[in-house]
Amino acid sequence: MCGRFQISKVVDEVQIRFHVDVEKEWYRQIFNAAPAMLLPVITNEESENLNFFRWGLIPSWSKVASIGSKMINARAETLTEKPTFKKALQKRRCLIPSDGFYEWKKTSSGKQPFRICMKDESLFAYAGLWENWKDKDDKLIQTFTIITTTPNRIVADIHDRMPVILKPEFEKLWLDTQIPLKEIVEILKPFPEQEMKAYLVSPLINSVKNNSPELMAEIGNGINENNNLELF
């Protein structure tokens, strides 16, 4: 599962990395992105723009918006089987810019939060799906879900799932809905652990009310390149 992440880079960095136009009055640095928030996405229909959709997919056929809280993630292994996701996989794909995500490791002393990111702290994109939904007043709400897969060795010591992080060369491919599904699902693999790192962060991340750079600060424990928890 992926239930928290950050998009902490300034707007200029996002524009340059993803070659998109951004309405700067909408953009803000988010250190604790959580479900139901309006967050940046790049869709296959507007790949030149950064848009802001609600996290938690609401299928077009749904009667209620609350279903979105149960659809913040979609498993890569069953995308082509589940009706909820199959049509979106064919027609509505998106990139979700980020520079790290959080997961919680179960320990004898309770759950410990970790930040997981690139070794060089660079921006990357999750593979996602998006939908249009209208409420009873005919108001359009656009939502998205993050696709997850099996973990690489860095993440496996913390959690049994990880978000699909696309290699940069696959980002445009993911947005190309002309590519056969059989080919496109092949890129939904765990990101190479050699390029990633993980470290312990403050339990302040547990509350969605907290949103500051301090949430990303390392507090002492980490996962080394041999996938072992170590103390610094």
Protein backbone atom coordinates (compact mmCIF):
# COMPACT_ATOMS: atom_id res chain seq x y z
CA MET A 1 0.00 0.00 0.00
CA CYS A 2 1.03 3.59 -0.58
CA GLY A 3 -0.87 5.92 1.72
CA ARG A 4 1.45 8.91 2.19
CA PHE A 5 4.04 10.63 0.04
CA GLN A 6 5.59 14.02 -0.55
CA ILE A 7 6.05 16.43 -3.41
CA SER A 8 8.44 18.79 -1.68
CA LYS A 9 10.28 20.31 -4.64
CA VAL A 10 9.65 23.91 -5.66
CA VAL A 11 7.46 24.55 -8.67
CA ASP A 12 10.32 25.40 -11.06
CA GLU A 13 11.95 22.01 -10.46
CA VAL A 14 8.68 20.22 -11.24
CA GLN A 15 8.19 22.22 -14.44
CA ILE A 16 11.70 21.46 -15.68
CA ARG A 17 11.69 17.77 -14.74
CA PHE A 18 8.33 16.93 -16.32
CA HIS A 19 8.17 19.60 -19.06
CA VAL A 20 4.78 20.85 -17.92
CA ASP A 21 3.05 24.17 -17.42
CA VAL A 22 1.91 24.83 -13.86
CA GLU A 23 -0.64 27.27 -12.53
CA LYS A 24 1.58 28.53 -9.74
CA GLU A 25 -1.27 29.76 -7.57
CA TRP A 26 -2.39 26.12 -7.26
CA TYR A 27 0.97 24.57 -6.58
CA ARG A 28 2.41 24.20 -3.08
CA GLN A 29 5.07 22.01 -1.53
CA ILE A 30 3.46 19.10 0.29
CA PHE A 31 5.50 17.09 2.79
CA ASN A 32 2.66 14.84 3.93
CA ALA A 33 0.37 14.08 1.00
CA ALA A 34 -2.62 12.00 2.11
CA PRO A 35 -5.79 10.54 0.57
CA ALA A 36 -8.61 12.99 -0.25
CA MET A 37 -6.13 15.83 -0.85
CA LEU A 38 -5.94 17.68 -4.17
CA LEU A 39 -2.53 16.67 -5.53
CA PRO A 40 -0.52 17.18 -8.74
CA VAL A 41 -1.03 14.79 -11.65
CA ILE A 42 -0.07 14.67 -15.33
CA THR A 43 -2.71 12.93 -17.42
CA ASN A 44 -2.59 11.30 -20.82
CA GLU A 45 -5.13 13.89 -22.05
CA GLU A 46 -3.12 16.91 -20.85
CA SER A 47 0.46 15.74 -20.74
CA GLU A 48 1.71 19.31 -21.16
CA ASN A 49 0.00 20.54 -17.96
CA LEU A 50 0.15 19.82 -14.26
CA ASN A 51 -3.39 19.35 -12.95
CA PHE A 52 -4.70 18.80 -9.43
CA PHE A 53 -6.94 15.79 -8.72
CA ARG A 54 -8.27 14.28 -5.51
CA TRP A 55 -6.39 11.19 -4.28
CA GLY A 56 -8.78 8.24 -4.09
CA LEU A 57 -10.37 6.98 -7.31
CA ILE A 58 -14.14 7.39 -7.62
CA PRO A 59 -15.39 5.22 -10.50
CA SER A 60 -17.80 6.97 -12.87
CA TRP A 61 -20.55 4.49 -11.96
CA SER A 62 -20.31 5.05 -8.20
CA LYS A 63 -23.29 6.52 -6.36
CA VAL A 64 -21.17 7.98 -3.55
CA ALA A 65 -17.82 9.76 -3.29
CA SER A 66 -16.84 7.88 -0.13
CA ILE A 67 -15.74 4.88 -2.21
CA GLY A 68 -12.63 6.89 -3.07
CA SER A 69 -11.17 6.29 0.40
CA LYS A 70 -10.97 2.59 -0.44
CA MET A 71 -9.36 3.15 -3.83
CA ILE A 72 -6.19 5.09 -3.13
CA ASN A 73 -4.19 2.19 -4.60
CA ALA A 74 -4.65 -0.34 -7.41
CA ARG A 75 -2.67 -3.58 -7.58
CA ALA A 76 -0.65 -3.90 -10.80
CA GLU A 77 -1.18 -7.66 -10.90
CA THR A 78 -4.98 -7.41 -11.25
CA LEU A 79 -5.50 -4.21 -13.26
CA THR A 80 -6.62 -6.04 -16.39
CA GLU A 81 -9.05 -8.24 -14.43
CA LYS A 82 -10.94 -5.74 -12.27
CA PRO A 83 -13.71 -3.81 -14.07
CA THR A 84 -13.13 -0.81 -11.79
CA PHE A 85 -9.63 -0.33 -13.17
CA LYS A 86 -9.58 -2.01 -16.58
CA LYS A 87 -11.30 0.80 -18.50
CA ALA A 88 -9.16 3.45 -16.80
CA LEU A 89 -6.07 1.42 -17.66
CA GLN A 90 -7.09 1.56 -21.31
CA LYS A 91 -8.06 5.23 -21.49
CA ARG A 92 -7.09 7.24 -18.40
CA ARG A 93 -3.50 6.97 -17.20
CA CYS A 94 -1.50 9.53 -15.29
CA LEU A 95 1.83 10.32 -13.67
CA ILE A 96 1.95 11.48 -10.06
CA PRO A 97 5.10 13.54 -9.42
CA SER A 98 6.86 12.88 -6.12
CA ASP A 99 10.23 12.84 -4.41
CA GLY A 100 9.53 10.23 -1.74
CA PHE A 101 6.92 8.18 0.09
CA TYR A 102 6.36 6.89 3.61
CA GLU A 103 5.73 3.39 4.91
CA TRP A 104 5.40 1.96 8.41
CA LYS A 105 7.44 -1.01 9.64
CA LYS A 106 5.89 -3.24 12.30
CA THR A 107 8.25 -3.73 15.25
CA SER A 108 7.97 -4.99 18.81
CA SER A 109 7.73 -1.38 19.98
CA GLY A 110 5.04 -0.42 17.49
CA LYS A 111 4.95 0.88 13.92
CA GLN A 112 7.95 2.96 12.85
CA PRO A 113 7.62 5.36 9.89
CA PHE A 114 10.23 5.36 7.15
CA ARG A 115 10.81 7.70 4.25
CA ILE A 116 11.74 5.98 0.97
CA CYS A 117 13.20 7.97 -1.93
CA MET A 118 15.94 8.16 -4.53
CA LYS A 119 19.52 8.24 -3.28
CA ASP A 120 20.01 11.58 -5.01
CA GLU A 121 16.67 12.98 -3.70
CA SER A 122 15.49 13.54 -7.26
CA LEU A 123 11.93 13.79 -8.55
CA PHE A 124 10.21 10.75 -10.03
CA ALA A 125 6.69 9.69 -11.05
CA TYR A 126 4.28 7.03 -9.82
CA ALA A 127 2.10 5.25 -12.36
CA GLY A 128 -1.54 6.09 -11.77
CA LEU A 129 -5.06 5.95 -13.15
CA TRP A 130 -7.63 8.76 -13.12
CA GLU A 131 -11.38 9.18 -13.42
CA ASN A 132 -14.11 11.78 -13.92
CA TRP A 133 -17.07 11.61 -11.52
CA LYS A 134 -20.08 13.87 -11.00
CA ASP A 135 -21.93 14.32 -7.75
CA LYS A 136 -25.70 14.76 -7.34
CA ASP A 137 -25.36 18.45 -8.19
CA ASP A 138 -23.56 17.60 -11.43
CA LYS A 139 -20.25 18.93 -10.06
CA LEU A 140 -17.23 17.33 -11.72
CA ILE A 141 -14.70 15.72 -9.39
CA GLN A 142 -11.48 14.31 -10.88
CA THR A 143 -9.68 11.64 -8.90
CA PHE A 144 -6.70 9.31 -9.15
CA THR A 145 -5.21 6.15 -7.70
CA ILE A 146 -1.57 5.05 -7.38
CA ILE A 147 -0.64 1.64 -8.76
CA THR A 148 1.30 -0.66 -6.44
CA THR A 149 3.46 -3.72 -7.00
CA THR A 150 5.64 -6.16 -5.08
CA PRO A 151 8.46 -4.48 -3.16
CA ASN A 152 12.12 -4.28 -4.11
CA ARG A 153 14.68 -5.31 -1.48
CA ILE A 154 14.86 -1.85 0.09
CA VAL A 155 11.11 -1.68 0.68
CA ALA A 156 10.56 -5.37 1.47
CA ASP A 157 12.10 -5.02 4.92
CA ILE A 158 9.49 -2.35 5.71
CA HIS A 159 6.32 -3.29 3.83
CA ASP A 160 4.97 -5.94 1.44
CA ARG A 161 3.90 -3.47 -1.28
CA MET A 162 5.40 -0.41 -2.93
CA PRO A 163 4.12 2.16 -5.44
CA VAL A 164 5.05 1.65 -9.06
CA ILE A 165 7.79 4.20 -9.75
CA LEU A 166 8.29 4.52 -13.48
CA LYS A 167 11.75 4.72 -14.96
CA PRO A 168 12.01 8.11 -16.72
CA GLU A 169 12.17 6.47 -20.13
CA PHE A 170 8.80 4.80 -19.47
CA GLU A 171 6.87 7.92 -18.44
CA LYS A 172 5.79 8.96 -21.94
CA LEU A 173 5.08 5.33 -22.79
CA TRP A 174 2.73 5.06 -19.80
CA LEU A 175 0.75 8.06 -21.04
CA ASP A 176 0.43 6.64 -24.56
CA THR A 177 -2.96 4.91 -24.63
CA GLN A 178 -2.25 3.52 -28.11
CA ILE A 179 0.19 1.02 -26.64
CA PRO A 180 -1.38 -2.47 -26.26
CA LEU A 181 -2.24 -3.31 -22.65
CA LYS A 182 -0.16 -6.47 -22.81
CA GLU A 183 2.91 -4.31 -23.38
CA ILE A 184 2.05 -1.50 -21.01
CA VAL A 185 1.56 -3.72 -17.95
CA GLU A 186 5.08 -5.07 -18.45
CA ILE A 187 6.57 -1.78 -17.24
CA LEU A 188 4.72 -1.94 -13.90
CA LYS A 189 7.65 -3.46 -12.03
CA PRO A 190 9.48 -2.70 -8.75
CA PHE A 191 11.95 0.15 -9.17
CA PRO A 192 15.63 -0.91 -8.88
CA GLU A 193 16.69 -0.83 -5.22
CA GLN A 194 20.23 0.23 -6.16
CA GLU A 195 18.92 3.73 -6.85
CA MET A 196 16.88 4.07 -3.65
CA LYS A 197 17.32 4.58 0.08
CA ALA A 198 15.13 4.35 3.18
CA TYR A 199 15.49 5.87 6.63
CA LEU A 200 13.53 6.34 9.85
CA VAL A 201 11.54 9.55 10.29
CA SER A 202 9.58 11.18 13.11
CA PRO A 203 6.17 9.83 14.15
CA LEU A 204 4.91 13.36 13.48
CA ILE A 205 4.22 12.03 9.99
CA ASN A 206 1.35 9.99 11.48
CA SER A 207 -0.89 13.06 11.60
CA VAL A 208 -2.08 14.56 8.32
CA LYS A 209 -2.24 17.91 10.11
CA ASN A 210 1.56 18.05 10.07
CA ASN A 211 3.13 19.41 6.90
CA SER A 212 6.69 20.72 7.15
CA PRO A 213 10.19 19.83 5.90
CA GLU A 214 10.99 18.37 9.34
CA LEU A 215 8.81 15.37 8.48
CA MET A 216 11.45 14.27 5.95
CA ALA A 217 14.35 14.51 8.40
CA GLU A 218 16.24 11.34 9.30
CA ILE A 219 16.14 10.52 13.01
CA GLY A 220 18.65 7.69 13.35
CA ASN A 221 17.84 4.34 11.80
CA GLY A 222 18.00 3.35 8.15
CA ILE A 223 18.11 0.53 5.65
CA ASN A 224 21.56 -0.03 4.24
CA GLU A 225 22.45 -1.35 0.79
CA ASN A 226 22.47 -4.94 2.11
CA ASN A 227 18.84 -4.49 3.19
CA ASN A 228 19.66 -4.53 6.89
CA LEU A 229 18.25 -2.18 9.52
CA GLU A 230 21.12 -0.30 11.10
CA LEU A 231 21.73 2.36 13.74
CA PHE A 232 23.77 5.48 13.04
